[in-house]
Amino acid sequence: MNKKKIVIIDDEEDLCHLMKTYLVELNYDVFLANTLGTGLTLMKEVSPDIVFIDNNLPDGLGWEKMDYLLQAYPECKINLISAYKYLPPELTGRTSVKILEKPLSLSTLKNYL
């Protein structure tokens, strides 16, 4: 049985490593990127089952890539990370897109897998 693959795109490196440690213990393959460009390239290479993507990244806004991600990875669960809870109207009703509000709690991370 193949492990599910997760890509985390967030410029907070400590958060990425904490999430990775937790998710690896749950038997996921986890890949990290700290910029939007690196993350999108990584997604092409990995073709993840689940992605966690921050909005404010050093090289752009992660949420602006939602249309692309939804089209390129229709089976992927997309989790938007932000310091404030806001779902853009164009994403309302999309069951494959969820919002995680920072600060994150590892105990609630299971709800987004």
N, C-alpha and C. Protein backbone atom coordinates (compact mmCIF):
# COMPACT_ATOMS: atom_id res chain seq x y z
N MET A 1 0.85 -1.19 0.00
CA MET A 1 0.00 0.00 0.00
C MET A 1 0.89 1.25 0.00
N ASN A 2 0.63 2.15 -0.91
CA ASN A 2 1.39 3.39 -1.01
C ASN A 2 0.93 4.39 0.03
N LYS A 3 1.89 5.09 0.60
CA LYS A 3 1.56 6.15 1.54
C LYS A 3 0.97 7.33 0.78
N LYS A 4 0.05 8.03 1.42
CA LYS A 4 -0.44 9.27 0.84
C LYS A 4 0.63 10.32 0.96
N LYS A 5 0.66 11.22 -0.04
CA LYS A 5 1.68 12.27 -0.10
C LYS A 5 1.07 13.62 0.25
N ILE A 6 1.81 14.35 1.07
CA ILE A 6 1.39 15.68 1.50
C ILE A 6 2.48 16.68 1.14
N VAL A 7 2.07 17.81 0.57
CA VAL A 7 2.99 18.93 0.34
C VAL A 7 2.55 20.07 1.25
N ILE A 8 3.51 20.63 1.98
CA ILE A 8 3.26 21.79 2.83
C ILE A 8 4.04 22.96 2.25
N ILE A 9 3.32 24.04 1.93
CA ILE A 9 3.94 25.25 1.37
C ILE A 9 3.69 26.38 2.37
N ASP A 10 4.73 26.73 3.12
CA ASP A 10 4.61 27.77 4.13
C ASP A 10 6.01 28.31 4.41
N ASP A 11 6.12 29.62 4.58
CA ASP A 11 7.44 30.22 4.83
C ASP A 11 7.86 30.14 6.29
N GLU A 12 6.99 29.67 7.16
CA GLU A 12 7.36 29.47 8.57
C GLU A 12 7.98 28.08 8.69
N GLU A 13 9.30 28.04 8.62
CA GLU A 13 10.02 26.76 8.58
C GLU A 13 9.78 25.91 9.82
N ASP A 14 9.72 26.52 10.99
CA ASP A 14 9.47 25.74 12.21
C ASP A 14 8.11 25.05 12.15
N LEU A 15 7.11 25.77 11.69
CA LEU A 15 5.77 25.18 11.55
C LEU A 15 5.80 24.01 10.58
N CYS A 16 6.48 24.19 9.45
CA CYS A 16 6.58 23.12 8.46
C CYS A 16 7.20 21.86 9.07
N HIS A 17 8.27 22.03 9.81
CA HIS A 17 8.94 20.87 10.39
C HIS A 17 8.11 20.21 11.49
N LEU A 18 7.39 21.00 12.28
CA LEU A 18 6.49 20.43 13.28
C LEU A 18 5.38 19.62 12.61
N MET A 19 4.78 20.19 11.57
CA MET A 19 3.73 19.48 10.85
C MET A 19 4.27 18.21 10.23
N LYS A 20 5.44 18.30 9.63
CA LYS A 20 6.03 17.13 8.98
C LYS A 20 6.27 16.01 10.00
N THR A 21 6.87 16.35 11.12
CA THR A 21 7.14 15.35 12.15
C THR A 21 5.85 14.64 12.57
N TYR A 22 4.81 15.42 12.80
CA TYR A 22 3.51 14.87 13.21
C TYR A 22 2.92 13.99 12.12
N LEU A 23 2.94 14.45 10.88
CA LEU A 23 2.31 13.71 9.78
C LEU A 23 3.09 12.46 9.39
N VAL A 24 4.40 12.50 9.49
CA VAL A 24 5.22 11.31 9.22
C VAL A 24 4.87 10.21 10.23
N GLU A 25 4.64 10.60 11.48
CA GLU A 25 4.23 9.64 12.51
C GLU A 25 2.88 9.01 12.18
N LEU A 26 2.06 9.72 11.41
CA LEU A 26 0.76 9.18 10.97
C LEU A 26 0.89 8.41 9.66
N ASN A 27 2.13 8.19 9.23
CA ASN A 27 2.44 7.36 8.06
C ASN A 27 2.16 8.05 6.71
N TYR A 28 2.41 9.34 6.64
CA TYR A 28 2.32 10.08 5.38
C TYR A 28 3.73 10.39 4.88
N ASP A 29 3.90 10.49 3.57
CA ASP A 29 5.11 11.05 2.98
C ASP A 29 4.90 12.55 2.90
N VAL A 30 5.81 13.32 3.47
CA VAL A 30 5.63 14.77 3.57
C VAL A 30 6.78 15.49 2.89
N PHE A 31 6.43 16.50 2.09
CA PHE A 31 7.39 17.29 1.33
C PHE A 31 7.17 18.76 1.68
N LEU A 32 8.25 19.51 1.86
CA LEU A 32 8.16 20.90 2.30
C LEU A 32 8.68 21.89 1.26
N ALA A 33 8.04 23.04 1.21
CA ALA A 33 8.50 24.16 0.39
C ALA A 33 8.23 25.44 1.16
N ASN A 34 9.16 26.40 1.06
CA ASN A 34 9.00 27.65 1.79
C ASN A 34 8.67 28.84 0.91
N THR A 35 8.51 28.61 -0.40
CA THR A 35 8.07 29.67 -1.31
C THR A 35 6.99 29.10 -2.23
N LEU A 36 6.23 29.98 -2.82
CA LEU A 36 5.17 29.56 -3.72
C LEU A 36 5.74 28.87 -4.96
N GLY A 37 6.78 29.45 -5.54
CA GLY A 37 7.38 28.87 -6.74
C GLY A 37 7.93 27.47 -6.50
N THR A 38 8.66 27.32 -5.40
CA THR A 38 9.20 26.01 -5.06
C THR A 38 8.08 25.02 -4.78
N GLY A 39 7.06 25.48 -4.11
CA GLY A 39 5.92 24.60 -3.79
C GLY A 39 5.20 24.11 -5.02
N LEU A 40 4.95 25.00 -5.97
CA LEU A 40 4.25 24.60 -7.20
C LEU A 40 5.09 23.61 -8.02
N THR A 41 6.40 23.83 -8.05
CA THR A 41 7.29 22.89 -8.74
C THR A 41 7.27 21.54 -8.03
N LEU A 42 7.33 21.57 -6.72
CA LEU A 42 7.29 20.34 -5.92
C LEU A 42 5.99 19.58 -6.15
N MET A 43 4.89 20.29 -6.25
CA MET A 43 3.60 19.63 -6.49
C MET A 43 3.60 18.90 -7.83
N LYS A 44 4.21 19.49 -8.85
CA LYS A 44 4.29 18.82 -10.15
C LYS A 44 5.10 17.54 -10.05
N GLU A 45 6.16 17.56 -9.25
CA GLU A 45 7.03 16.40 -9.10
C GLU A 45 6.37 15.30 -8.27
N VAL A 46 5.65 15.69 -7.22
CA VAL A 46 5.13 14.75 -6.23
C VAL A 46 3.70 14.30 -6.53
N SER A 47 2.89 15.18 -7.12
CA SER A 47 1.45 14.94 -7.34
C SER A 47 0.79 14.49 -6.02
N PRO A 48 0.66 15.43 -5.08
CA PRO A 48 0.20 15.08 -3.74
C PRO A 48 -1.28 14.74 -3.65
N ASP A 49 -1.60 14.04 -2.57
CA ASP A 49 -3.00 13.75 -2.24
C ASP A 49 -3.60 14.89 -1.42
N ILE A 50 -2.72 15.55 -0.66
CA ILE A 50 -3.15 16.62 0.25
C ILE A 50 -2.11 17.74 0.17
N VAL A 51 -2.58 18.99 0.19
CA VAL A 51 -1.65 20.12 0.24
C VAL A 51 -2.12 21.09 1.32
N PHE A 52 -1.14 21.62 2.03
CA PHE A 52 -1.36 22.71 2.98
C PHE A 52 -0.61 23.90 2.41
N ILE A 53 -1.32 25.01 2.13
CA ILE A 53 -0.67 26.16 1.49
C ILE A 53 -1.03 27.45 2.23
N ASP A 54 0.00 28.16 2.61
CA ASP A 54 -0.17 29.45 3.27
C ASP A 54 -0.56 30.50 2.24
N ASN A 55 -1.17 31.57 2.68
CA ASN A 55 -1.55 32.63 1.75
C ASN A 55 -0.39 33.57 1.51
N ASN A 56 0.17 34.13 2.57
CA ASN A 56 1.23 35.14 2.42
C ASN A 56 2.59 34.46 2.36
N LEU A 57 3.10 34.31 1.15
CA LEU A 57 4.40 33.69 0.92
C LEU A 57 5.35 34.75 0.37
N PRO A 58 6.65 34.56 0.50
CA PRO A 58 7.61 35.59 0.07
C PRO A 58 7.48 35.98 -1.39
N ASP A 59 7.04 35.05 -2.23
CA ASP A 59 6.98 35.34 -3.67
C ASP A 59 5.56 35.36 -4.24
N GLY A 60 4.56 35.50 -3.37
CA GLY A 60 3.19 35.60 -3.88
C GLY A 60 2.15 35.14 -2.88
N LEU A 61 0.91 35.23 -3.30
CA LEU A 61 -0.21 34.82 -2.46
C LEU A 61 -0.66 33.42 -2.88
N GLY A 62 -0.52 32.49 -1.97
CA GLY A 62 -0.87 31.10 -2.25
C GLY A 62 -2.32 30.92 -2.68
N TRP A 63 -3.21 31.67 -2.07
CA TRP A 63 -4.63 31.49 -2.37
C TRP A 63 -4.97 31.91 -3.79
N GLU A 64 -4.15 32.76 -4.38
CA GLU A 64 -4.41 33.17 -5.76
C GLU A 64 -4.18 32.03 -6.74
N LYS A 65 -3.58 30.94 -6.30
CA LYS A 65 -3.32 29.78 -7.16
C LYS A 65 -4.39 28.70 -7.03
N MET A 66 -5.47 28.98 -6.33
CA MET A 66 -6.50 27.97 -6.09
C MET A 66 -7.13 27.45 -7.39
N ASP A 67 -7.47 28.35 -8.31
CA ASP A 67 -8.07 27.89 -9.57
C ASP A 67 -7.13 26.92 -10.29
N TYR A 68 -5.85 27.28 -10.35
CA TYR A 68 -4.87 26.41 -10.98
C TYR A 68 -4.79 25.06 -10.25
N LEU A 69 -4.68 25.09 -8.92
CA LEU A 69 -4.55 23.86 -8.15
C LEU A 69 -5.78 22.97 -8.29
N LEU A 70 -6.95 23.58 -8.26
CA LEU A 70 -8.18 22.79 -8.39
C LEU A 70 -8.29 22.13 -9.77
N GLN A 71 -7.79 22.80 -10.79
CA GLN A 71 -7.82 22.22 -12.14
C GLN A 71 -6.71 21.21 -12.35
N ALA A 72 -5.51 21.51 -11.88
CA ALA A 72 -4.36 20.63 -12.10
C ALA A 72 -4.39 19.40 -11.20
N TYR A 73 -4.99 19.51 -10.01
CA TYR A 73 -5.02 18.42 -9.04
C TYR A 73 -6.44 18.23 -8.51
N PRO A 74 -7.36 17.79 -9.36
CA PRO A 74 -8.77 17.72 -8.96
C PRO A 74 -9.05 16.75 -7.81
N GLU A 75 -8.21 15.77 -7.59
CA GLU A 75 -8.42 14.80 -6.52
C GLU A 75 -7.74 15.20 -5.22
N CYS A 76 -6.96 16.27 -5.24
CA CYS A 76 -6.17 16.70 -4.09
C CYS A 76 -7.03 17.48 -3.10
N LYS A 77 -6.87 17.17 -1.80
CA LYS A 77 -7.50 17.96 -0.75
C LYS A 77 -6.61 19.17 -0.52
N ILE A 78 -7.20 20.35 -0.57
CA ILE A 78 -6.44 21.59 -0.43
C ILE A 78 -6.82 22.27 0.87
N ASN A 79 -5.81 22.55 1.68
CA ASN A 79 -6.00 23.22 2.96
C ASN A 79 -5.28 24.55 2.93
N LEU A 80 -6.05 25.62 3.02
CA LEU A 80 -5.51 26.98 3.01
C LEU A 80 -5.17 27.38 4.43
N ILE A 81 -3.96 27.88 4.63
CA ILE A 81 -3.51 28.30 5.95
C ILE A 81 -3.47 29.82 5.99
N SER A 82 -3.99 30.38 7.09
CA SER A 82 -3.98 31.84 7.22
C SER A 82 -4.04 32.23 8.68
N ALA A 83 -3.59 33.44 8.97
CA ALA A 83 -3.69 33.97 10.32
C ALA A 83 -5.11 34.46 10.63
N TYR A 84 -5.95 34.53 9.62
CA TYR A 84 -7.34 34.91 9.84
C TYR A 84 -8.24 34.00 9.01
N LYS A 85 -9.41 33.71 9.54
CA LYS A 85 -10.32 32.77 8.86
C LYS A 85 -11.20 33.54 7.89
N TYR A 86 -10.96 33.28 6.62
CA TYR A 86 -11.73 33.92 5.56
C TYR A 86 -11.71 32.99 4.36
N LEU A 87 -12.86 32.66 3.84
CA LEU A 87 -12.94 31.83 2.65
C LEU A 87 -13.41 32.71 1.50
N PRO A 88 -12.57 32.88 0.49
CA PRO A 88 -12.99 33.69 -0.66
C PRO A 88 -14.29 33.15 -1.25
N PRO A 89 -15.19 34.05 -1.67
CA PRO A 89 -16.49 33.61 -2.18
C PRO A 89 -16.40 32.57 -3.30
N GLU A 90 -15.38 32.67 -4.15
CA GLU A 90 -15.28 31.72 -5.26
C GLU A 90 -14.95 30.30 -4.81
N LEU A 91 -14.55 30.15 -3.54
CA LEU A 91 -14.24 28.82 -3.02
C LEU A 91 -15.35 28.25 -2.14
N THR A 92 -16.39 29.03 -1.91
CA THR A 92 -17.51 28.58 -1.10
C THR A 92 -18.17 27.37 -1.77
N GLY A 93 -18.42 26.36 -0.97
CA GLY A 93 -19.08 25.16 -1.47
C GLY A 93 -18.14 24.12 -2.05
N ARG A 94 -16.87 24.40 -2.12
CA ARG A 94 -15.88 23.43 -2.62
C ARG A 94 -15.46 22.54 -1.46
N THR A 95 -15.88 21.29 -1.49
CA THR A 95 -15.59 20.39 -0.39
C THR A 95 -14.12 19.98 -0.32
N SER A 96 -13.37 20.16 -1.41
CA SER A 96 -11.96 19.79 -1.41
C SER A 96 -11.08 20.91 -0.86
N VAL A 97 -11.67 22.04 -0.47
CA VAL A 97 -10.90 23.18 0.05
C VAL A 97 -11.36 23.49 1.47
N LYS A 98 -10.39 23.54 2.39
CA LYS A 98 -10.68 23.89 3.78
C LYS A 98 -9.71 24.97 4.23
N ILE A 99 -10.08 25.67 5.31
CA ILE A 99 -9.26 26.73 5.88
C ILE A 99 -8.74 26.29 7.25
N LEU A 100 -7.45 26.48 7.47
CA LEU A 100 -6.84 26.29 8.78
C LEU A 100 -6.42 27.66 9.27
N GLU A 101 -6.83 27.99 10.46
CA GLU A 101 -6.47 29.29 11.01
C GLU A 101 -5.26 29.15 11.93
N LYS A 102 -4.27 30.03 11.73
CA LYS A 102 -3.10 30.06 12.60
C LYS A 102 -3.46 30.80 13.88
N PRO A 103 -2.92 30.41 15.02
CA PRO A 103 -1.94 29.33 15.18
C PRO A 103 -2.61 27.97 15.07
N LEU A 104 -1.89 27.03 14.48
CA LEU A 104 -2.40 25.68 14.27
C LEU A 104 -2.20 24.84 15.52
N SER A 105 -3.10 23.90 15.68
CA SER A 105 -2.97 22.91 16.74
C SER A 105 -2.77 21.56 16.06
N LEU A 106 -1.70 20.86 16.41
CA LEU A 106 -1.44 19.57 15.77
C LEU A 106 -2.57 18.59 16.02
N SER A 107 -3.24 18.71 17.16
CA SER A 107 -4.32 17.78 17.47
C SER A 107 -5.51 17.93 16.51
N THR A 108 -5.68 19.11 15.92
CA THR A 108 -6.78 19.31 14.96
C THR A 108 -6.36 19.01 13.53
N LEU A 109 -5.08 18.77 13.32
CA LEU A 109 -4.58 18.54 11.97
C LEU A 109 -5.22 17.32 11.31
N LYS A 110 -5.57 16.33 12.11
CA LYS A 110 -6.21 15.11 11.58
C LYS A 110 -7.50 15.42 10.83
N ASN A 111 -8.17 16.51 11.21
CA ASN A 111 -9.43 16.89 10.55
C ASN A 111 -9.23 17.36 9.13
N TYR A 112 -7.98 17.57 8.71
CA TYR A 112 -7.70 18.13 7.40
C TYR A 112 -6.97 17.14 6.49
N LEU A 113 -7.02 15.87 6.86
CA LEU A 113 -6.33 14.84 6.07
C LEU A 113 -7.29 14.07 5.21
